[in-house]
C-alpha atoms as a PDB file:
ATOM      1  CA  UNK A   1      22.014  18.715  -5.139  1.00  0.00           C
ATOM      2  CA  UNK A   2      25.577  18.409  -5.469  1.00  0.00           C
ATOM      3  CA  UNK A   3      26.115  18.377  -2.704  1.00  0.00           C
ATOM      4  CA  UNK A   4      23.446  15.659  -1.209  1.00  0.00           C
ATOM      5  CA  UNK A   5      25.667  13.399  -4.615  1.00  0.00           C
ATOM      6  CA  UNK A   6      28.784  14.297  -3.158  1.00  0.00           C
ATOM      7  CA  UNK A   7      27.960  12.389   0.162  1.00  0.00           C
ATOM      8  CA  UNK A   8      27.490   8.536  -1.230  1.00  0.00           C
ATOM      9  CA  UNK A   9      31.128   7.988  -1.719  1.00  0.00           C
ATOM     10  CA  UNK A  10      31.215   8.617   2.408  1.00  0.00           C
ATOM     11  CA  UNK A  11      28.956   5.544   2.085  1.00  0.00           C
ATOM     12  CA  UNK A  12      31.167   2.316   3.395  1.00  0.00           C
ATOM     13  CA  UNK A  13      29.488  -0.540   1.998  1.00  0.00           C
ATOM     14  CA  UNK A  14      29.598   0.803  -1.817  1.00  0.00           C
ATOM     15  CA  UNK A  15      32.842   0.970  -3.776  1.00  0.00           C
ATOM     16  CA  UNK A  16      34.341   3.216  -5.718  1.00  0.00           C
ATOM     17  CA  UNK A  17      32.924   2.138  -9.014  1.00  0.00           C
ATOM     18  CA  UNK A  18      29.607   1.253  -7.120  1.00  0.00           C
ATOM     19  CA  UNK A  19      29.825   4.852  -5.899  1.00  0.00           C
ATOM     20  CA  UNK A  20      30.198   6.135 -10.293  1.00  0.00           C
ATOM     21  CA  UNK A  21      27.409   3.694 -11.604  1.00  0.00           C
ATOM     22  CA  UNK A  22      25.032   5.368  -8.503  1.00  0.00           C
ATOM     23  CA  UNK A  23      25.948   8.864  -9.086  1.00  0.00           C
ATOM     24  CA  UNK A  24      25.274   8.912 -12.599  1.00  0.00           C
ATOM     25  CA  UNK A  25      21.928   7.075 -12.107  1.00  0.00           C
ATOM     26  CA  UNK A  26      21.044   9.984  -9.740  1.00  0.00           C
ATOM     27  CA  UNK A  27      22.192  12.310 -11.995  1.00  0.00           C
ATOM     28  CA  UNK A  28      20.271  10.666 -15.239  1.00  0.00           C
ATOM     29  CA  UNK A  29      16.892  11.275 -13.367  1.00  0.00           C
ATOM     30  CA  UNK A  30      15.590   8.835 -16.130  1.00  0.00           C
ATOM     31  CA  UNK A  31      12.453   6.881 -14.076  1.00  0.00           C
ATOM     32  CA  UNK A  32      10.808   7.309 -11.042  1.00  0.00           C
ATOM     33  CA  UNK A  33      11.530   3.639  -9.835  1.00  0.00           C
ATOM     34  CA  UNK A  34      14.561   1.832 -11.284  1.00  0.00           C
ATOM     35  CA  UNK A  35      16.829  -1.023 -10.879  1.00  0.00           C
ATOM     36  CA  UNK A  36      20.835  -0.635 -10.306  1.00  0.00           C
ATOM     37  CA  UNK A  37      22.894  -3.272 -10.691  1.00  0.00           C
ATOM     38  CA  UNK A  38      26.061  -2.730  -8.480  1.00  0.00           C
ATOM     39  CA  UNK A  39      28.490  -4.615  -7.469  1.00  0.00           C
ATOM     40  CA  UNK A  40      27.244  -5.713  -3.494  1.00  0.00           C
ATOM     41  CA  UNK A  41      23.852  -6.504  -5.290  1.00  0.00           C
ATOM     42  CA  UNK A  42      21.289  -5.109  -6.498  1.00  0.00           C
ATOM     43  CA  UNK A  43      19.427  -1.637  -5.203  1.00  0.00           C
ATOM     44  CA  UNK A  44      16.318   0.089  -6.365  1.00  0.00           C
ATOM     45  CA  UNK A  45      16.393   4.331  -6.920  1.00  0.00           C
ATOM     46  CA  UNK A  46      12.744   5.517  -5.523  1.00  0.00           C
ATOM     47  CA  UNK A  47      12.500   9.475  -7.234  1.00  0.00           C
ATOM     48  CA  UNK A  48       9.835  11.820  -5.689  1.00  0.00           C
ATOM     49  CA  UNK A  49       7.366  13.962  -7.203  1.00  0.00           C
ATOM     50  CA  UNK A  50       8.116  16.800  -5.159  1.00  0.00           C
ATOM     51  CA  UNK A  51       5.300  19.006  -6.890  1.00  0.00           C
ATOM     52  CA  UNK A  52       2.866  16.550  -5.772  1.00  0.00           C
ATOM     53  CA  UNK A  53      -0.777  16.799  -6.685  1.00  0.00           C
ATOM     54  CA  UNK A  54      -2.326  19.573  -4.924  1.00  0.00           C
ATOM     55  CA  UNK A  55      -5.716  20.127  -7.625  1.00  0.00           C
ATOM     56  CA  UNK A  56      -6.969  16.570  -6.959  1.00  0.00           C
ATOM     57  CA  UNK A  57      -6.217  16.420  -3.177  1.00  0.00           C
ATOM     58  CA  UNK A  58      -7.742  20.099  -2.349  1.00  0.00           C
ATOM     59  CA  UNK A  59     -10.878  17.967  -4.313  1.00  0.00           C
ATOM     60  CA  UNK A  60     -10.030  14.445  -2.664  1.00  0.00           C
ATOM     61  CA  UNK A  61     -10.220  16.930   0.047  1.00  0.00           C
ATOM     62  CA  UNK A  62     -13.311  19.263  -0.334  1.00  0.00           C
ATOM     63  CA  UNK A  63     -15.323  15.630  -0.749  1.00  0.00           C
ATOM     64  CA  UNK A  64     -14.375  14.314   2.440  1.00  0.00           C
ATOM     65  CA  UNK A  65     -15.129  17.397   4.306  1.00  0.00           C
ATOM     66  CA  UNK A  66     -19.020  17.549   2.167  1.00  0.00           C
ATOM     67  CA  UNK A  67     -19.735  13.914   2.931  1.00  0.00           C
ATOM     68  CA  UNK A  68     -18.152  13.778   6.025  1.00  0.00           C
ATOM     69  CA  UNK A  69     -16.577  11.289   5.336  1.00  0.00           C
ATOM     70  CA  UNK A  70     -12.706  10.584   7.001  1.00  0.00           C
ATOM     71  CA  UNK A  71     -11.618   8.180   4.692  1.00  0.00           C
ATOM     72  CA  UNK A  72     -11.615  10.097   1.620  1.00  0.00           C
ATOM     73  CA  UNK A  73      -9.184  12.611   3.077  1.00  0.00           C
ATOM     74  CA  UNK A  74      -5.385  12.699   1.163  1.00  0.00           C
ATOM     75  CA  UNK A  75      -1.810  11.945   2.779  1.00  0.00           C
ATOM     76  CA  UNK A  76      -1.124  15.950   3.439  1.00  0.00           C
ATOM     77  CA  UNK A  77       2.465  17.290   1.523  1.00  0.00           C
ATOM     78  CA  UNK A  78       4.976  17.917   4.014  1.00  0.00           C
ATOM     79  CA  UNK A  79       5.167  21.416   4.398  1.00  0.00           C
ATOM     80  CA  UNK A  80       8.574  21.907   3.718  1.00  0.00           C
ATOM     81  CA  UNK A  81       8.422  19.721   0.146  1.00  0.00           C
ATOM     82  CA  UNK A  82      10.538  16.780   1.780  1.00  0.00           C
ATOM     83  CA  UNK A  83       8.489  13.120   0.859  1.00  0.00           C
ATOM     84  CA  UNK A  84      11.612  10.742   0.679  1.00  0.00           C
ATOM     85  CA  UNK A  85      11.901  12.136   4.660  1.00  0.00           C
ATOM     86  CA  UNK A  86       8.362  10.894   5.010  1.00  0.00           C
ATOM     87  CA  UNK A  87       9.237   7.623   3.424  1.00  0.00           C
ATOM     88  CA  UNK A  88      12.006   6.932   5.860  1.00  0.00           C
ATOM     89  CA  UNK A  89      10.282   8.259   8.539  1.00  0.00           C
ATOM     90  CA  UNK A  90       7.673   5.754   8.331  1.00  0.00           C
ATOM     91  CA  UNK A  91      10.527   2.890   7.152  1.00  0.00           C
ATOM     92  CA  UNK A  92      12.165   3.373  10.426  1.00  0.00           C
ATOM     93  CA  UNK A  93       8.342   3.788  12.930  1.00  0.00           C
ATOM     94  CA  UNK A  94       7.875  -0.067  10.557  1.00  0.00           C
ATOM     95  CA  UNK A  95      11.502  -1.439  11.252  1.00  0.00           C
ATOM     96  CA  UNK A  96      10.956  -0.006  15.979  1.00  0.00           C
ATOM     97  CA  UNK A  97       7.938  -2.150  15.863  1.00  0.00           C
ATOM     98  CA  UNK A  98       9.827  -5.299  13.965  1.00  0.00           C
ATOM     99  CA  UNK A  99       8.079  -5.053  10.540  1.00  0.00           C
ATOM    100  CA  UNK A 100      10.483  -5.657   7.561  1.00  0.00           C
ATOM    101  CA  UNK A 101      11.246  -2.574   5.094  1.00  0.00           C
ATOM    102  CA  UNK A 102      14.384  -2.841   2.498  1.00  0.00           C
ATOM    103  CA  UNK A 103      17.391  -1.074   4.087  1.00  0.00           C
ATOM    104  CA  UNK A 104      18.461   2.118   3.163  1.00  0.00           C
ATOM    105  CA  UNK A 105      21.523   2.660   1.378  1.00  0.00           C
ATOM    106  CA  UNK A 106      21.540   6.380   0.498  1.00  0.00           C
ATOM    107  CA  UNK A 107      18.311   9.589   0.380  1.00  0.00           C
ATOM    108  CA  UNK A 108      18.329  12.905  -0.672  1.00  0.00           C
ATOM    109  CA  UNK A 109      16.130  15.579  -0.249  1.00  0.00           C
ATOM    110  CA  UNK A 110      14.370  14.269  -4.169  1.00  0.00           C
ATOM    111  CA  UNK A 111      15.778  10.272  -3.729  1.00  0.00           C
ATOM    112  CA  UNK A 112      15.638   7.363  -1.697  1.00  0.00           C
ATOM    113  CA  UNK A 113      18.686   4.512  -2.041  1.00  0.00           C
ATOM    114  CA  UNK A 114      16.637   0.916  -0.939  1.00  0.00           C
ATOM    115  CA  UNK A 115      18.560  -2.010  -0.868  1.00  0.00           C
ATOM    116  CA  UNK A 116      16.586  -5.021  -3.373  1.00  0.00           C
ATOM    117  CA  UNK A 117      14.478  -7.429  -1.588  1.00  0.00           C
ATOM    118  CA  UNK A 118      12.972 -10.079  -4.344  1.00  0.00           C
ATOM    119  CA  UNK A 119      10.413 -10.072  -6.113  1.00  0.00           C
ATOM    120  CA  UNK A 120       7.170  -8.389  -4.832  1.00  0.00           C
ATOM    121  CA  UNK A 121       4.415 -10.305  -3.604  1.00  0.00           C
ATOM    122  CA  UNK A 122       2.610  -9.421  -6.121  1.00  0.00           C
ATOM    123  CA  UNK A 123       4.838 -11.012  -8.411  1.00  0.00           C
ATOM    124  CA  UNK A 124       4.794 -14.447  -6.689  1.00  0.00           C
ATOM    125  CA  UNK A 125       1.612 -14.879  -7.104  1.00  0.00           C
ATOM    126  CA  UNK A 126       1.694 -14.461 -10.811  1.00  0.00           C
ATOM    127  CA  UNK A 127       4.166 -18.090 -10.559  1.00  0.00           C
ATOM    128  CA  UNK A 128       1.734 -19.726  -8.239  1.00  0.00           C
ATOM    129  CA  UNK A 129       0.034 -22.292 -10.119  1.00  0.00           C
ATOM    130  CA  UNK A 130      -1.953 -23.693  -7.397  1.00  0.00           C
ATOM    131  CA  UNK A 131      -4.835 -22.025  -6.823  1.00  0.00           C
ATOM    132  CA  UNK A 132      -4.906 -23.267  -3.217  1.00  0.00           C
ATOM    133  CA  UNK A 133      -1.322 -21.668  -2.704  1.00  0.00           C
ATOM    134  CA  UNK A 134      -2.358 -18.852  -4.651  1.00  0.00           C
ATOM    135  CA  UNK A 135      -5.048 -17.803  -2.324  1.00  0.00           C
ATOM    136  CA  UNK A 136      -2.672 -18.729   0.874  1.00  0.00           C
ATOM    137  CA  UNK A 137      -0.769 -15.823   0.294  1.00  0.00           C
ATOM    138  CA  UNK A 138      -3.610 -14.060  -0.211  1.00  0.00           C
ATOM    139  CA  UNK A 139      -4.718 -14.824   3.470  1.00  0.00           C
ATOM    140  CA  UNK A 140      -1.480 -14.126   4.662  1.00  0.00           C
ATOM    141  CA  UNK A 141      -1.564 -11.016   3.285  1.00  0.00           C
ATOM    142  CA  UNK A 142      -4.766 -10.022   4.968  1.00  0.00           C
ATOM    143  CA  UNK A 143      -3.319 -11.848   8.422  1.00  0.00           C
ATOM    144  CA  UNK A 144      -0.386  -9.860   8.085  1.00  0.00           C
ATOM    145  CA  UNK A 145      -1.905  -6.406   7.757  1.00  0.00           C
ATOM    146  CA  UNK A 146      -3.763  -7.099  10.904  1.00  0.00           C
ATOM    147  CA  UNK A 147      -0.625  -7.757  13.066  1.00  0.00           C
ATOM    148  CA  UNK A 148       0.298  -5.040  11.516  1.00  0.00           C
ATOM    149  CA  UNK A 149      -2.993  -3.204  13.128  1.00  0.00           C
ATOM    150  CA  UNK A 150      -2.213  -4.877  16.529  1.00  0.00           C
ATOM    151  CA  UNK A 151       0.655  -2.565  16.798  1.00  0.00           C
ATOM    152  CA  UNK A 152      -1.317   0.630  16.619  1.00  0.00           C
ATOM    153  CA  UNK A 153       0.255   0.923  12.012  1.00  0.00           C
ATOM    154  CA  UNK A 154      -1.235   1.499   8.727  1.00  0.00           C
ATOM    155  CA  UNK A 155       0.334   1.467   5.887  1.00  0.00           C
ATOM    156  CA  UNK A 156      -1.894   3.935   3.949  1.00  0.00           C
ATOM    157  CA  UNK A 157      -1.998   1.651  -0.278  1.00  0.00           C
ATOM    158  CA  UNK A 158      -0.967  -2.244   1.221  1.00  0.00           C
ATOM    159  CA  UNK A 159      -1.131  -3.827  -1.879  1.00  0.00           C
ATOM    160  CA  UNK A 160       0.967  -6.628  -3.570  1.00  0.00           C
ATOM    161  CA  UNK A 161       2.951  -4.403  -5.866  1.00  0.00           C
ATOM    162  CA  UNK A 162       3.360  -3.340  -2.510  1.00  0.00           C
ATOM    163  CA  UNK A 163       5.073  -6.253  -0.271  1.00  0.00           C
ATOM    164  CA  UNK A 164       7.640  -8.891  -0.024  1.00  0.00           C
ATOM    165  CA  UNK A 165       8.320 -11.943   2.097  1.00  0.00           C
ATOM    166  CA  UNK A 166      11.506 -12.168   4.394  1.00  0.00           C
ATOM    167  CA  UNK A 167      12.271 -14.977   7.179  1.00  0.00           C
ATOM    168  CA  UNK A 168       8.445 -16.054   7.223  1.00  0.00           C
ATOM    169  CA  UNK A 169       6.324 -13.120   7.219  1.00  0.00           C
ATOM    170  CA  UNK A 170       5.264 -10.083   4.507  1.00  0.00           C
ATOM    171  CA  UNK A 171       7.388  -6.924   4.701  1.00  0.00           C
ATOM    172  CA  UNK A 172       5.769  -3.204   3.697  1.00  0.00           C
ATOM    173  CA  UNK A 173       7.377  -0.630   0.917  1.00  0.00           C
ATOM    174  CA  UNK A 174       6.472   2.381  -0.272  1.00  0.00           C
ATOM    175  CA  UNK A 175       5.164   4.443   2.318  1.00  0.00           C
ATOM    176  CA  UNK A 176       4.645   7.851   0.764  1.00  0.00           C
ATOM    177  CA  UNK A 177       0.849   7.963   1.622  1.00  0.00           C
ATOM    178  CA  UNK A 178       0.421   8.541   5.715  1.00  0.00           C
ATOM    179  CA  UNK A 179      -3.516   8.885   6.553  1.00  0.00           C
ATOM    180  CA  UNK A 180      -3.183   8.643  10.023  1.00  0.00           C
ATOM    181  CA  UNK A 181      -2.238  12.083   9.648  1.00  0.00           C
ATOM    182  CA  UNK A 182      -5.724  13.305   9.109  1.00  0.00           C
ATOM    183  CA  UNK A 183      -7.806  10.745   9.760  1.00  0.00           C
ATOM    184  CA  UNK A 184      -7.916   8.479  13.125  1.00  0.00           C
ATOM    185  CA  UNK A 185      -6.152   5.328  13.303  1.00  0.00           C
ATOM    186  CA  UNK A 186      -8.563   3.264  13.377  1.00  0.00           C
ATOM    187  CA  UNK A 187     -10.264   4.719  10.115  1.00  0.00           C
ATOM    188  CA  UNK A 188      -7.020   4.990   8.640  1.00  0.00           C
ATOM    189  CA  UNK A 189      -7.093   1.099   9.732  1.00  0.00           C
ATOM    190  CA  UNK A 190      -9.806   0.195   7.764  1.00  0.00           C
ATOM    191  CA  UNK A 191      -9.501   2.325   4.543  1.00  0.00           C
ATOM    192  CA  UNK A 192      -6.211  -0.544   4.285  1.00  0.00           C
ATOM    193  CA  UNK A 193      -8.097  -3.182   4.666  1.00  0.00           C
ATOM    194  CA  UNK A 194     -10.799  -1.956   2.706  1.00  0.00           C
ATOM    195  CA  UNK A 195      -8.034  -1.208   0.110  1.00  0.00           C
ATOM    196  CA  UNK A 196      -6.553  -4.473   0.235  1.00  0.00           C
ATOM    197  CA  UNK A 197      -9.502  -6.633  -0.491  1.00  0.00           C
ATOM    198  CA  UNK A 198      -9.458  -4.699  -4.337  1.00  0.00           C
ATOM    199  CA  UNK A 199      -7.082  -7.202  -4.569  1.00  0.00           C
ATOM    200  CA  UNK A 200      -8.340  -9.942  -2.321  1.00  0.00           C
ATOM    201  CA  UNK A 201     -12.073  -9.903  -3.811  1.00  0.00           C
ATOM    202  CA  UNK A 202     -10.610 -10.084  -8.096  1.00  0.00           C
ATOM    203  CA  UNK A 203      -7.517 -12.273  -7.599  1.00  0.00           C
ATOM    204  CA  UNK A 204      -8.542 -14.949  -5.588  1.00  0.00           C
ATOM    205  CA  UNK A 205      -9.078 -18.234  -7.429  1.00  0.00           C
ATOM    206  CA  UNK A 206     -11.647 -19.936  -5.122  1.00  0.00           C
ATOM    207  CA  UNK A 207     -13.854 -17.259  -4.383  1.00  0.00           C
ATOM    208  CA  UNK A 208     -16.152 -17.093  -1.444  1.00  0.00           C
ATOM    209  CA  UNK A 209     -13.806 -19.639   0.786  1.00  0.00           C
ATOM    210  CA  UNK A 210     -10.922 -17.103  -0.172  1.00  0.00           C
ATOM    211  CA  UNK A 211     -12.780 -13.864   0.906  1.00  0.00           C
ATOM    212  CA  UNK A 212     -14.020 -15.793   3.855  1.00  0.00           C
ATOM    213  CA  UNK A 213     -10.225 -16.481   5.009  1.00  0.00           C
ATOM    214  CA  UNK A 214      -8.925 -13.722   4.029  1.00  0.00           C
ATOM    215  CA  UNK A 215     -11.412 -11.354   5.799  1.00  0.00           C
ATOM    216  CA  UNK A 216     -11.154 -14.377   9.059  1.00  0.00           C
ATOM    217  CA  UNK A 217      -7.237 -13.417   8.870  1.00  0.00           C
ATOM    218  CA  UNK A 218      -7.390 -10.396   9.178  1.00  0.00           C
ATOM    219  CA  UNK A 219     -10.345  -9.372  11.763  1.00  0.00           C
ATOM    220  CA  UNK A 220      -8.420 -11.776  14.190  1.00  0.00           C
ATOM    221  CA  UNK A 221      -5.382  -9.672  14.327  1.00  0.00           C
ATOM    222  CA  UNK A 222      -7.368  -6.224  14.114  1.00  0.00           C
ATOM    223  CA  UNK A 223      -8.329  -4.060  16.527  1.00  0.00           C
ATOM    224  CA  UNK A 224     -12.066  -3.894  17.129  1.00  0.00           C
ATOM    225  CA  UNK A 225     -12.191  -0.166  16.231  1.00  0.00           C
ATOM    226  CA  UNK A 226     -10.881  -0.686  13.180  1.00  0.00           C
ATOM    227  CA  UNK A 227     -13.638  -3.542  12.652  1.00  0.00           C
ATOM    228  CA  UNK A 228     -15.942  -1.272  13.853  1.00  0.00           C
ATOM    229  CA  UNK A 229     -14.784   1.777  11.013  1.00  0.00           C
ATOM    230  CA  UNK A 230     -14.878  -1.069   8.388  1.00  0.00           C
ATOM    231  CA  UNK A 231     -18.395  -1.203   8.941  1.00  0.00           C
ATOM    232  CA  UNK A 232     -19.431   1.937   8.267  1.00  0.00           C
ATOM    233  CA  UNK A 233     -17.298   2.028   5.822  1.00  0.00           C
ATOM    234  CA  UNK A 234     -18.140  -0.479   3.509  1.00  0.00           C
ATOM    235  CA  UNK A 235     -22.010   0.722   4.465  1.00  0.00           C
ATOM    236  CA  UNK A 236     -21.488   4.403   3.197  1.00  0.00           C
ATOM    237  CA  UNK A 237     -19.843   2.703   0.465  1.00  0.00           C
ATOM    238  CA  UNK A 238     -22.123   0.056  -0.196  1.00  0.00           C
ATOM    239  CA  UNK A 239     -25.329   2.515  -1.158  1.00  0.00           C
ATOM    240  CA  UNK A 240     -23.288   3.024  -4.350  1.00  0.00           C
ATOM    241  CA  UNK A 241     -23.180  -0.361  -5.934  1.00  0.00           C
ATOM    242  CA  UNK A 242     -25.954   0.080  -7.512  1.00  0.00           C
ATOM    243  CA  UNK A 243     -24.881   2.719  -9.211  1.00  0.00           C
ATOM    244  CA  UNK A 244     -21.589   1.052 -10.234  1.00  0.00           C
ATOM    245  CA  UNK A 245     -23.380  -2.218 -11.305  1.00  0.00           C
ATOM    246  CA  UNK A 246     -25.178   0.256 -13.855  1.00  0.00           C
ATOM    247  CA  UNK A 247     -22.257   1.266 -14.896  1.00  0.00           C
ATOM    248  CA  UNK A 248     -20.307  -1.810 -15.458  1.00  0.00           C
ATOM    249  CA  UNK A 249     -23.450  -2.660 -17.308  1.00  0.00           C
ATOM    250  CA  UNK A 250     -22.146  -0.238 -19.733  1.00  0.00           C
ATOM    251  CA  UNK A 251     -18.268  -0.937 -19.282  1.00  0.00           C
ATOM    252  CA  UNK A 252     -16.730  -3.489 -16.153  1.00  0.00           C
ATOM    253  CA  UNK A 253     -12.982  -1.683 -16.329  1.00  0.00           C
ATOM    254  CA  UNK A 254     -10.686  -3.874 -13.661  1.00  0.00           C
ATOM    255  CA  UNK A 255     -11.282  -1.144 -11.138  1.00  0.00           C
ATOM    256  CA  UNK A 256     -14.594  -0.648 -11.320  1.00  0.00           C
ATOM    257  CA  UNK A 257     -14.982  -4.765 -10.780  1.00  0.00           C
ATOM    258  CA  UNK A 258     -12.924  -4.672  -7.698  1.00  0.00           C
ATOM    259  CA  UNK A 259     -14.713  -1.726  -6.458  1.00  0.00           C
ATOM    260  CA  UNK A 260     -18.013  -3.828  -6.826  1.00  0.00           C
ATOM    261  CA  UNK A 261     -16.619  -7.052  -6.003  1.00  0.00           C
ATOM    262  CA  UNK A 262     -14.606  -6.296  -2.569  1.00  0.00           C
ATOM    263  CA  UNK A 263     -17.173  -3.529  -1.432  1.00  0.00           C
ATOM    264  CA  UNK A 264     -20.337  -6.115  -1.828  1.00  0.00           C
ATOM    265  CA  UNK A 265     -18.220  -8.854   0.186  1.00  0.00           C
ATOM    266  CA  UNK A 266     -17.748  -6.569   3.019  1.00  0.00           C
ATOM    267  CA  UNK A 267     -20.807  -4.934   3.053  1.00  0.00           C
ATOM    268  CA  UNK A 268     -22.416  -7.989   3.401  1.00  0.00           C
ATOM    269  CA  UNK A 269     -19.926  -9.682   5.462  1.00  0.00           C
ATOM    270  CA  UNK A 270     -20.180  -6.628   8.074  1.00  0.00           C
ATOM    271  CA  UNK A 271     -23.632  -5.213   7.333  1.00  0.00           C
ATOM    272  CA  UNK A 272     -25.469  -8.524   7.101  1.00  0.00           C
ATOM    273  CA  UNK A 273     -26.867  -6.402   4.197  1.00  0.00           C
ATOM    274  CA  UNK A 274     -27.658  -8.876   0.455  1.00  0.00           C
ATOM    275  CA  UNK A 275     -24.972  -8.112  -1.744  1.00  0.00           C
ATOM    276  CA  UNK A 276     -27.420  -9.463  -4.605  1.00  0.00           C
ATOM    277  CA  UNK A 277     -29.792  -6.222  -4.053  1.00  0.00           C
ATOM    278  CA  UNK A 278     -29.916  -4.106  -6.770  1.00  0.00           C
ATOM    279  CA  UNK A 279     -28.569  -6.355  -9.597  1.00  0.00           C
END
C-alpha cells in the first residue's frame, strides 16, 4: 500500500497540502465512502471490500441455477481481487459511450478517489416539494436508463443514490456490479429497470400516472430484447406476490412494499395480468 500512496504526489492537480490531507485520509481507512475537502474542491474516497461476500454469492448462485433464472446470478468476484479496477474499467466504458461519470483523481487496488459530482438524484428528490416536478425527475431517470440500455450498456444497481445530473443528463456512479458478465445483456438490462422501478413505485407522488410515464420513457428507448426479458422476469416474480402480500399482513417493511408495488405494476403492464388477484 505504501508504494501506491506515494504515487499521489505525482498527480499534478493536487497541491502539496492536498497530498498530505489525502494521504492521511487514505491511511486512516475509516468509512467505506468518505468526503474530503481539498483546496481544489471536494473529493470522495471509495474503499472497496476486497474480501467480498463469498457465502452469500454462492447461495445466490445456487438459487439461480435451481430456479433457472439468470437474473438472480450475483456479479462475479474479480479473479485478481481488484475490485477498484473493475470500477474504473466500467467507468471508462460508460465515458466512452458518452455517459457522464465522476472523474478519477487517484486509484489503488483497494480505493478510488473521485471528484465530487454534486448532489445525487436521491438528494435532489428529497428537496423537490412540487409533486409533478418530483415525479418528472423519476421519469427522466427511467428515460436515461433506457438511453443507456439502447447503447448496449447496463449499470447493475441503478438507484437514485447512484445517479447525478450534469448538463441535462443523468450520470452514474458506483460500478461495483457487473451483471452482464454472468447473464445475457438483455437480461441484465431487464434487471436494471426492475431495480429502478422498486424506487419509482415507492417514491412516485402521483401514483399510476407516474408509473405509466416512467415505464414508457424507458421502453421507448430500450432494446426490444430487454422488454421481452422484463416480461419474463416480472412474470416469474409475480408468482411470489401472493406470498409477499401474505407476509405483508404481518409486517410490511419498506423493501417488501417496494417489491409488491413495482412487480405488480410491471407484471400487469407487460403480461396483462390482474395485479389485484390474490389480495
